[in-house]
Amino acid sequence: MKTTLKSKVNNKDSEFGNYISNKSDEYTLNQGIFIKEIEKPLFNGAVLVCDDDPANSIVIHEHLKNVGLETFVATNGYDGVERVKERAYICKKDLDRIAAYQENKQFDLIFMDIHMPVMDGLEASALIKEIDCNIPIVALTTDCTFQNRSKYNGSGITDYLGKPFSKLDLWNCLMKYFTPLNKKKLNIV
């Protein structure tokens, strides 16, 4: 499957592509879970992606959709905080109505770009943790140095995924927070 983003920069057409395949024969180790010769894992859940770059948002959205996750996009940290607030309010208000709660439950995971306009990822993550400290937040960044990782942790970020990432990098990250629906088929030992 190919995801394509077309844009114009300085009156020149540009096309960016990303191929997403369904099989891999690579081996992966993640928190003691071995995956070998896997078909793509399938998950169930809601993920918020906070990223100001439309190309990045499209790529991760397609990757997440391809493994069954419902994806919501915020274009900056402020919008991300507002989306979490909305769901926190709906969850408290509709807790007695199970169907409404399930449909509007809080996000299961947040991918957070660090450098964004309006509100950066560090400030947004700290505010989100004040609203709901149980939502795991994964930094989605090119800046994964050891020094920055400790700064990310101080803002409530629980993990990081470096840009650019492979589908296996993403799947490994997702395996930390979701149980695959097709666990037996994946040959997990």
Protein backbone atom coordinates (compact mmCIF):
# COMPACT_ATOMS: atom_id res chain seq x y z
CA MET A 1 0.00 0.00 0.00
CA LYS A 2 1.36 3.44 -0.83
CA THR A 3 0.45 6.64 0.96
CA THR A 4 1.16 9.80 -1.02
CA LEU A 5 1.18 13.46 -0.07
CA LYS A 6 1.32 16.06 -2.82
CA SER A 7 2.27 19.67 -2.16
CA LYS A 8 3.56 22.77 -3.86
CA VAL A 9 6.70 24.49 -2.63
CA ASN A 10 8.04 27.52 -4.52
CA ASN A 11 5.58 26.76 -7.36
CA LYS A 12 7.09 23.29 -7.82
CA ASP A 13 5.08 20.11 -7.37
CA SER A 14 6.45 17.69 -4.79
CA GLU A 15 5.30 14.20 -4.00
CA PHE A 16 6.22 12.28 -0.89
CA GLY A 17 5.48 8.58 -0.65
CA ASN A 18 5.55 5.92 1.99
CA TYR A 19 5.06 2.22 1.39
CA ILE A 20 3.29 0.17 4.04
CA SER A 21 3.49 -3.57 3.57
CA ASN A 22 1.65 -6.25 5.46
CA LYS A 23 4.37 -8.85 6.09
CA SER A 24 7.85 -8.92 7.49
CA ASP A 25 10.41 -11.63 8.05
CA GLU A 26 12.43 -9.57 10.51
CA TYR A 27 12.82 -10.52 14.16
CA THR A 28 11.92 -8.10 16.90
CA LEU A 29 12.55 -8.04 20.65
CA ASN A 30 10.40 -5.81 22.82
CA GLN A 31 10.14 -6.18 26.59
CA GLY A 32 10.72 -9.93 26.37
CA ILE A 33 8.19 -10.48 23.58
CA PHE A 34 9.60 -12.10 20.48
CA ILE A 35 7.82 -11.67 17.20
CA LYS A 36 8.98 -13.64 14.21
CA GLU A 37 7.79 -13.80 10.63
CA ILE A 38 4.82 -11.69 11.53
CA GLU A 39 1.94 -10.47 9.58
CA LYS A 40 0.93 -7.05 10.67
CA PRO A 41 -0.50 -6.95 14.17
CA LEU A 42 -4.08 -5.75 14.60
CA PHE A 43 -5.10 -3.59 17.53
CA ASN A 44 -8.23 -1.95 18.87
CA GLY A 45 -8.11 1.50 20.41
CA ALA A 46 -8.03 5.26 19.95
CA VAL A 47 -4.80 7.17 19.37
CA LEU A 48 -4.24 10.93 19.33
CA VAL A 49 -1.42 12.20 17.11
CA CYS A 50 -0.18 15.72 17.90
CA ASP A 51 2.02 16.89 15.02
CA ASP A 52 2.11 20.18 13.14
CA ASP A 53 3.59 18.66 9.96
CA PRO A 54 0.80 17.42 7.66
CA ALA A 55 3.09 14.90 5.95
CA ASN A 56 4.07 13.33 9.29
CA SER A 57 0.43 13.26 10.40
CA ILE A 58 -0.66 11.51 7.21
CA VAL A 59 2.11 8.91 7.43
CA ILE A 60 1.48 7.94 11.06
CA HIS A 61 -2.30 8.09 10.55
CA GLU A 62 -2.04 5.60 7.67
CA HIS A 63 0.28 3.30 9.65
CA LEU A 64 -2.09 3.33 12.64
CA LYS A 65 -5.20 2.86 10.51
CA ASN A 66 -3.48 -0.06 8.76
CA VAL A 67 -3.23 -1.91 12.10
CA GLY A 68 -6.83 -1.16 13.12
CA LEU A 69 -6.40 1.87 15.39
CA GLU A 70 -8.76 4.82 15.29
CA THR A 71 -6.63 7.93 14.88
CA PHE A 72 -7.32 11.56 15.73
CA VAL A 73 -4.96 14.38 14.72
CA ALA A 74 -4.20 17.65 16.51
CA THR A 75 -2.03 20.20 14.72
CA ASN A 76 -0.37 21.56 17.87
CA GLY A 77 -0.05 20.89 21.57
CA TYR A 78 -2.90 23.21 22.53
CA ASP A 79 -5.33 21.37 20.23
CA GLY A 80 -4.12 18.08 21.70
CA VAL A 81 -4.79 19.24 25.26
CA GLU A 82 -8.28 20.42 24.23
CA ARG A 83 -9.09 17.04 22.66
CA VAL A 84 -8.06 15.25 25.87
CA LYS A 85 -10.13 17.70 27.95
CA GLU A 86 -13.18 17.08 25.73
CA ARG A 87 -12.95 13.34 26.20
CA ALA A 88 -12.31 13.67 29.94
CA TYR A 89 -15.47 15.75 30.27
CA ILE A 90 -17.54 13.37 28.14
CA CYS A 91 -16.25 10.34 30.07
CA LYS A 92 -17.21 11.82 33.44
CA LYS A 93 -20.58 13.05 32.16
CA ASP A 94 -21.60 9.81 30.42
CA LEU A 95 -20.04 7.25 32.74
CA ASP A 96 -23.46 5.82 33.55
CA ARG A 97 -24.26 5.31 29.87
CA ILE A 98 -21.89 2.54 28.78
CA ALA A 99 -22.43 2.93 25.01
CA ALA A 100 -21.70 6.66 25.11
CA TYR A 101 -18.67 6.04 27.32
CA GLN A 102 -17.22 3.40 25.00
CA GLU A 103 -17.69 5.63 21.97
CA ASN A 104 -16.07 8.66 23.63
CA LYS A 105 -13.64 7.04 26.04
CA GLN A 106 -10.29 8.64 26.67
CA PHE A 107 -7.44 8.07 24.23
CA ASP A 108 -5.48 4.87 24.77
CA LEU A 109 -2.22 6.43 23.56
CA ILE A 110 -0.87 9.80 22.41
CA PHE A 111 1.96 10.39 19.96
CA MET A 112 3.39 13.84 20.66
CA ASP A 113 5.70 15.86 18.43
CA ILE A 114 8.00 17.96 20.59
CA HIS A 115 8.52 21.06 18.45
CA MET A 116 5.16 22.61 17.49
CA PRO A 117 3.73 26.11 17.25
CA VAL A 118 1.21 27.54 19.75
CA MET A 119 2.15 24.99 22.45
CA ASP A 120 5.09 22.59 22.27
CA GLY A 121 4.90 18.90 23.10
CA LEU A 122 6.56 19.19 26.50
CA GLU A 123 4.07 21.73 27.82
CA ALA A 124 1.14 19.86 26.26
CA SER A 125 2.28 16.56 27.79
CA ALA A 126 2.55 18.08 31.26
CA LEU A 127 -0.97 19.53 30.97
CA ILE A 128 -2.40 16.26 29.66
CA LYS A 129 -0.87 14.38 32.61
CA GLU A 130 -2.71 16.80 34.95
CA ILE A 131 -5.99 15.92 33.21
CA ASP A 132 -5.42 12.16 33.01
CA CYS A 133 -2.16 10.73 34.32
CA ASN A 134 -2.94 7.27 32.93
CA ILE A 135 -2.64 8.10 29.22
CA PRO A 136 0.74 6.99 27.88
CA ILE A 137 2.43 9.70 25.82
CA VAL A 138 5.08 8.80 23.26
CA ALA A 139 7.38 11.53 21.98
CA LEU A 140 7.43 11.47 18.17
CA THR A 141 10.65 13.31 17.42
CA THR A 142 13.94 13.43 15.56
CA ASP A 143 15.65 14.52 18.78
CA CYS A 144 16.08 11.30 20.82
CA THR A 145 19.31 12.09 22.62
CA PHE A 146 19.82 10.74 26.14
CA GLN A 147 19.67 14.28 27.61
CA ASN A 148 16.37 15.01 25.92
CA ARG A 149 14.84 11.70 26.97
CA SER A 150 15.18 12.67 30.63
CA LYS A 151 13.63 16.06 29.82
CA TYR A 152 10.74 14.26 28.09
CA ASN A 153 10.20 12.01 31.11
CA GLY A 154 10.03 15.10 33.33
CA SER A 155 7.11 16.36 31.27
CA GLY A 156 5.15 13.13 31.59
CA ILE A 157 6.28 11.51 28.35
CA THR A 158 6.60 7.78 28.91
CA ASP A 159 8.38 6.68 25.73
CA TYR A 160 9.73 7.96 22.44
CA LEU A 161 9.65 6.98 18.77
CA GLY A 162 12.31 8.48 16.57
CA LYS A 163 11.54 10.04 13.21
CA PRO A 164 11.82 8.59 10.69
CA PHE A 165 10.50 5.26 11.94
CA SER A 166 9.92 1.92 10.28
CA LYS A 167 6.67 0.02 10.59
CA LEU A 168 8.47 -2.44 12.88
CA ASP A 169 9.59 0.42 15.13
CA LEU A 170 5.98 1.57 15.32
CA TRP A 171 4.64 -1.94 15.91
CA ASN A 172 7.17 -2.47 18.71
CA CYS A 173 6.04 0.75 20.32
CA LEU A 174 2.36 -0.20 19.98
CA MET A 175 3.01 -3.64 21.49
CA LYS A 176 3.98 -1.91 24.75
CA TYR A 177 0.53 -0.32 25.08
CA PHE A 178 -1.89 -2.62 23.21
CA THR A 179 -2.48 -6.36 23.10
CA PRO A 180 -2.74 -7.53 19.50
CA LEU A 181 -6.13 -8.93 18.53
CA ASN A 182 -4.37 -11.54 16.40
CA LYS A 183 -1.83 -12.59 19.07
CA LYS A 184 -1.89 -16.32 18.25
CA LYS A 185 -1.43 -15.71 14.54
CA LEU A 186 1.65 -13.54 15.22
CA ASN A 187 3.65 -16.42 16.73
CA ILE A 188 4.38 -14.49 19.92
CA VAL A 189 6.46 -16.59 22.32
